[in-house]
Amino acid sequence: MPDNNPSKLEHHHIAYILALIAIGIAVFALVQVSSAGTVVPGQQKQLDKNTRGIDSDANGIPDAGVTVNGKYTSLYAYDASDDWYWDLGDGRINGTVGSVDALDQDTLTTCDYQVEYRGNFENDPFLDSGWITNNINCSGYDDNGKYNYFIVHETDPRYRGNPDWSIWGTWEYHGLTVSGEGNLVRPMTPAGI
């Protein structure tokens, strides 16, 4: 599990979810569910319909063997005094302050997350397999970057087993694009080949 305080997201905004997730990272781990009855963002519609036995035990978590898709948004904001605020996108708020307005507006940086995922929860509160993408746009005092993370589980055929890009044990970055720096992961096979 990643650290719960993504202090300034280590200036390269290492994916965290949700958490996610993913979030989704979690997720991020990126797509953690906090308790029974609380669902991962993007899951409520599927769970309400329960059209394919997505949550037969009604614990708010997709059943074992059920592959689900999800999409949600999140907001992370911080200031130069290391105060932070994170709206996880499902009603949960974390941070050292209760709102973005409580942060120092002169040193405020905000990061908008768009998280998508596909995988299996196996009836526990964490995404156990599949993939997660984070598109993050930051603006403000010390970061005006754009970040795109694509994280895959070892069961995904794109998984390479490269320890340099490992995250959360059996997950790894398949793409880690930072504005102005390109894809830091450098996929083994370039696009179009």
Protein backbone atom coordinates (compact mmCIF):
# COMPACT_ATOMS: atom_id res chain seq x y z
CA MET A 1 0.00 0.00 0.00
CA PRO A 2 1.28 3.48 -0.75
CA ASP A 3 1.66 6.14 1.92
CA ASN A 4 -1.60 7.95 2.77
CA ASN A 5 0.07 11.38 2.66
CA PRO A 6 1.10 12.07 -0.93
CA SER A 7 3.04 15.15 0.19
CA LYS A 8 3.31 17.24 -2.95
CA LEU A 9 3.07 13.92 -4.81
CA GLU A 10 6.87 13.70 -4.70
CA HIS A 11 7.07 16.37 -7.43
CA HIS A 12 6.44 13.69 -10.07
CA HIS A 13 2.95 12.91 -8.84
CA ILE A 14 3.42 9.19 -8.26
CA ALA A 15 0.03 7.62 -8.90
CA TYR A 16 -2.04 7.03 -5.77
CA ILE A 17 -5.57 5.93 -5.40
CA LEU A 18 -7.37 5.61 -5.30
CA ALA A 19 -6.68 3.97 -5.13
CA LEU A 20 -7.67 4.41 -6.38
CA ILE A 21 -6.18 4.33 -7.25
CA ALA A 22 -6.49 3.39 -8.14
CA ILE A 23 -6.17 5.44 -7.73
CA GLY A 24 -8.01 3.80 -8.72
CA ILE A 25 -4.38 4.02 -7.74
CA ALA A 26 -5.95 4.05 -6.34
CA VAL A 27 -6.08 2.36 -6.72
CA PHE A 28 -4.18 3.34 -6.68
CA ALA A 29 -4.47 0.51 -3.61
CA LEU A 30 -5.57 3.31 -6.10
CA VAL A 31 -9.22 2.18 -5.72
CA GLN A 32 -9.67 1.38 -2.06
CA VAL A 33 -13.14 1.00 -0.55
CA SER A 34 -13.26 2.26 3.03
CA SER A 35 -16.05 0.06 4.43
CA ALA A 36 -18.97 -2.15 3.47
CA GLY A 37 -21.62 -0.10 1.76
CA THR A 38 -19.10 2.40 0.42
CA VAL A 39 -18.25 1.69 -3.17
CA VAL A 40 -15.36 2.63 -5.35
CA PRO A 41 -16.19 5.70 -7.43
CA GLY A 42 -17.76 4.61 -10.69
CA GLN A 43 -19.19 1.37 -9.28
CA GLN A 44 -22.49 2.48 -7.73
CA LYS A 45 -24.49 2.33 -10.98
CA GLN A 46 -23.32 -1.23 -11.69
CA LEU A 47 -23.91 -2.34 -8.11
CA ASP A 48 -27.41 -0.79 -8.06
CA LYS A 49 -28.35 -2.61 -11.26
CA ASN A 50 -26.66 -5.84 -10.10
CA THR A 51 -27.46 -7.12 -13.59
CA ARG A 52 -24.75 -9.76 -13.74
CA GLY A 53 -24.32 -10.65 -10.07
CA ILE A 54 -21.76 -7.90 -9.59
CA ASP A 55 -22.37 -7.73 -5.81
CA SER A 56 -24.46 -10.73 -4.80
CA ASP A 57 -23.57 -10.45 -1.09
CA ALA A 58 -24.44 -6.69 -1.07
CA ASN A 59 -21.21 -5.67 0.68
CA GLY A 60 -20.55 -2.80 -1.75
CA ILE A 61 -17.62 -4.60 -3.38
CA PRO A 62 -17.73 -6.42 -6.74
CA ASP A 63 -17.84 -10.22 -6.36
CA ALA A 64 -14.90 -12.54 -7.00
CA GLY A 65 -14.42 -13.25 -10.69
CA VAL A 66 -16.39 -10.20 -11.85
CA THR A 67 -14.47 -7.77 -14.06
CA VAL A 68 -15.63 -4.20 -13.65
CA ASN A 69 -14.88 -0.87 -15.29
CA GLY A 70 -14.75 2.39 -13.41
CA LYS A 71 -14.11 6.06 -13.93
CA TYR A 72 -14.01 8.92 -11.46
CA THR A 73 -12.45 12.31 -10.76
CA SER A 74 -10.50 13.48 -7.75
CA LEU A 75 -8.90 16.73 -6.55
CA TYR A 76 -5.61 17.00 -4.67
CA ALA A 77 -4.39 20.43 -3.50
CA TYR A 78 -1.50 21.59 -1.33
CA ASP A 79 0.44 24.67 -0.32
CA ALA A 80 4.06 25.53 0.52
CA SER A 81 3.48 24.99 4.25
CA ASP A 82 2.79 21.28 3.56
CA ASP A 83 -0.92 21.51 4.27
CA TRP A 84 -2.98 19.42 1.87
CA TYR A 85 -6.53 18.56 0.90
CA TRP A 86 -7.73 15.54 -1.07
CA ASP A 87 -11.28 15.01 -2.31
CA LEU A 88 -11.18 11.33 -3.28
CA GLY A 89 -14.23 11.68 -5.52
CA ASP A 90 -16.58 9.43 -3.56
CA GLY A 91 -17.50 11.70 -0.67
CA ARG A 92 -14.36 11.00 1.37
CA ILE A 93 -12.05 13.91 2.16
CA ASN A 94 -8.50 13.54 3.50
CA GLY A 95 -5.91 16.12 4.43
CA THR A 96 -4.61 18.50 7.02
CA VAL A 97 -7.32 21.07 6.16
CA GLY A 98 -11.04 20.77 5.48
CA SER A 99 -11.20 22.64 2.17
CA VAL A 100 -9.12 24.10 -0.64
CA ASP A 101 -10.06 27.55 0.68
CA ALA A 102 -8.20 26.76 3.93
CA LEU A 103 -4.90 26.41 2.04
CA ASP A 104 -2.54 29.35 1.54
CA GLN A 105 -3.89 30.83 -1.69
CA ASP A 106 -0.54 32.50 -2.49
CA THR A 107 1.26 29.12 -2.62
CA LEU A 108 -1.64 26.92 -3.71
CA THR A 109 -1.18 24.10 -6.23
CA THR A 110 -4.17 22.02 -7.37
CA CYS A 111 -4.12 18.73 -9.25
CA ASP A 112 -7.21 17.38 -11.00
CA TYR A 113 -7.26 13.60 -11.44
CA GLN A 114 -9.23 11.58 -13.97
CA VAL A 115 -8.94 7.91 -13.06
CA GLU A 116 -10.09 4.94 -15.13
CA TYR A 117 -9.66 1.26 -14.35
CA ARG A 118 -10.68 -2.23 -15.39
CA GLY A 119 -10.15 -5.33 -13.31
CA ASN A 120 -11.32 -7.61 -10.55
CA PHE A 121 -11.81 -6.79 -6.87
CA GLU A 122 -12.28 -10.46 -5.87
CA ASN A 123 -14.81 -9.38 -3.20
CA ASP A 124 -12.24 -7.41 -1.21
CA PRO A 125 -11.83 -3.63 -1.07
CA PHE A 126 -8.81 -3.45 -3.40
CA LEU A 127 -8.39 -3.84 -7.14
CA ASP A 128 -6.62 -7.22 -7.33
CA SER A 129 -5.90 -7.35 -11.06
CA GLY A 130 -6.32 -5.34 -14.23
CA TRP A 131 -5.11 -1.88 -15.16
CA ILE A 132 -5.40 1.72 -13.96
CA THR A 133 -4.84 5.03 -15.75
CA ASN A 134 -4.39 8.40 -14.09
CA ASN A 135 -4.51 11.63 -16.06
CA ILE A 136 -3.40 14.45 -13.77
CA ASN A 137 -3.37 18.16 -14.57
CA CYS A 138 -1.70 20.41 -12.01
CA SER A 139 -1.61 24.18 -11.84
CA GLY A 140 -0.43 26.72 -9.35
CA TYR A 141 2.51 27.79 -7.25
CA ASP A 142 5.05 25.03 -7.87
CA ASP A 143 3.63 22.72 -10.51
CA ASN A 144 1.97 23.35 -13.85
CA GLY A 145 2.57 19.88 -15.23
CA LYS A 146 0.52 17.18 -16.85
CA TYR A 147 1.03 13.55 -15.93
CA ASN A 148 -0.33 10.33 -17.40
CA TYR A 149 0.22 7.04 -15.61
CA PHE A 150 -0.73 3.63 -16.93
CA ILE A 151 -0.32 0.89 -14.33
CA VAL A 152 -0.82 -2.84 -15.02
CA HIS A 153 -1.08 -5.88 -12.76
CA GLU A 154 1.11 -8.94 -13.31
CA THR A 155 -1.89 -10.76 -14.82
CA ASP A 156 -2.04 -8.19 -17.65
CA PRO A 157 -0.18 -9.32 -20.81
CA ARG A 158 1.62 -5.94 -20.91
CA TYR A 159 3.29 -6.60 -17.55
CA ARG A 160 7.08 -6.87 -17.96
CA GLY A 161 8.25 -7.68 -14.44
CA ASN A 162 10.74 -4.80 -14.42
CA PRO A 163 11.62 -4.04 -10.77
CA ASP A 164 12.61 -0.47 -11.70
CA TRP A 165 8.96 0.32 -12.50
CA SER A 166 7.32 -1.81 -9.80
CA ILE A 167 4.65 -0.23 -7.63
CA TRP A 168 2.62 -2.01 -4.94
CA GLY A 169 4.38 -5.35 -5.44
CA THR A 170 2.58 -7.05 -8.33
CA TRP A 171 1.76 -3.81 -10.17
CA GLU A 172 4.08 -1.78 -12.38
CA TYR A 173 4.09 1.36 -14.47
CA HIS A 174 3.63 0.54 -18.15
CA GLY A 175 3.49 4.20 -19.07
CA LEU A 176 4.66 7.16 -17.00
CA THR A 177 4.42 10.30 -19.10
CA VAL A 178 5.41 13.64 -17.59
CA SER A 179 4.91 16.88 -19.52
CA GLY A 180 8.24 18.14 -20.85
CA GLU A 181 9.98 14.83 -20.10
CA GLY A 182 8.14 12.24 -22.21
CA ASN A 183 7.51 8.62 -21.28
CA LEU A 184 9.91 7.79 -18.45
CA VAL A 185 9.13 4.07 -18.62
CA ARG A 186 10.13 3.74 -22.29
CA PRO A 187 7.98 0.82 -23.44
CA MET A 188 9.89 -2.09 -24.94
CA THR A 189 7.89 -1.89 -28.17
CA PRO A 190 7.29 1.62 -29.54
CA ALA A 191 3.77 2.50 -30.69
CA GLY A 192 2.96 1.40 -34.23
CA ILE A 193 5.41 -1.50 -34.35
